[in-house]
Protein backbone atom coordinates (compact mmCIF):
# COMPACT_ATOMS: atom_id res chain seq x y z
CA MET A 1 -29.65 38.13 50.33
CA ASN A 2 -28.06 37.60 46.97
CA LYS A 3 -29.67 37.64 43.51
CA ASN A 4 -30.60 33.97 43.53
CA THR A 5 -32.37 34.27 46.87
CA VAL A 6 -34.37 37.26 45.64
CA LEU A 7 -35.35 35.38 42.47
CA GLY A 8 -36.32 32.36 44.56
CA TRP A 9 -38.61 34.42 46.78
CA ALA A 10 -40.09 36.22 43.76
CA THR A 11 -40.78 32.84 42.14
CA PHE A 12 -42.45 31.54 45.29
CA ILE A 13 -44.64 34.62 45.68
CA MET A 14 -45.64 34.60 42.01
CA VAL A 15 -46.56 30.89 42.12
CA LEU A 16 -48.65 31.55 45.22
CA MET A 17 -50.44 34.50 43.62
CA GLY A 18 -50.96 32.59 40.37
CA LEU A 19 -52.58 29.67 42.15
CA LEU A 20 -54.69 32.07 44.22
CA LEU A 21 -55.94 33.86 41.11
CA ILE A 22 -56.70 30.59 39.33
CA GLY A 23 -58.57 29.42 42.43
CA LEU A 24 -60.56 32.65 42.51
CA GLY A 25 -61.42 32.23 38.86
CA ILE A 26 -62.61 28.67 39.37
CA PHE A 27 -64.40 28.82 42.72
CA ARG A 28 -65.44 32.43 43.35
CA TYR A 29 -66.30 33.88 39.96
CA SER A 30 -68.18 31.46 37.75
CA GLU A 31 -69.12 34.08 35.13
CA VAL A 32 -66.98 35.57 32.39
CA SER A 33 -64.81 37.41 34.92
CA GLY A 34 -63.55 34.06 36.16
CA TRP A 35 -61.87 33.48 32.82
CA GLY A 36 -59.94 36.73 33.29
CA PHE A 37 -58.80 35.79 36.77
CA ALA A 38 -57.68 32.38 35.55
CA ALA A 39 -55.84 33.87 32.57
CA VAL A 40 -53.96 36.32 34.78
CA GLY A 41 -53.11 33.45 37.14
CA VAL A 42 -51.64 31.46 34.27
CA GLY A 43 -49.61 34.54 33.31
CA PHE A 44 -48.25 34.73 36.86
CA LEU A 45 -47.23 31.08 36.67
CA ALA A 46 -45.48 31.68 33.34
CA ASN A 47 -43.53 34.62 34.81
CA ALA A 48 -42.59 32.51 37.82
CA TRP A 49 -41.29 29.82 35.47
CA VAL A 50 -39.08 32.43 33.75
CA PHE A 51 -37.79 33.70 37.10
CA ASN A 52 -36.98 30.16 38.15
CA ALA A 53 -35.10 29.58 34.89
CA LEU A 54 -33.07 32.75 35.48
CA LYS A 55 -31.81 31.60 38.87
CA GLY A 56 -28.07 31.02 38.63
CA ARG A 57 -27.74 32.78 35.27
CA VAL A 58 -28.13 36.39 36.31
């Protein structure tokens, strides 16, 4: 596996975890803690976007 493959897998895993956390925040925790789960999920998606942008440049 080269660097681009590792970044691709990291991006995929982070998108999956981000969507899972946003889903937990929306469907499982309807109180204030749901906002925290959703915020962390958005952060995961932002990091995945950066990893995807780095593919081919590193």
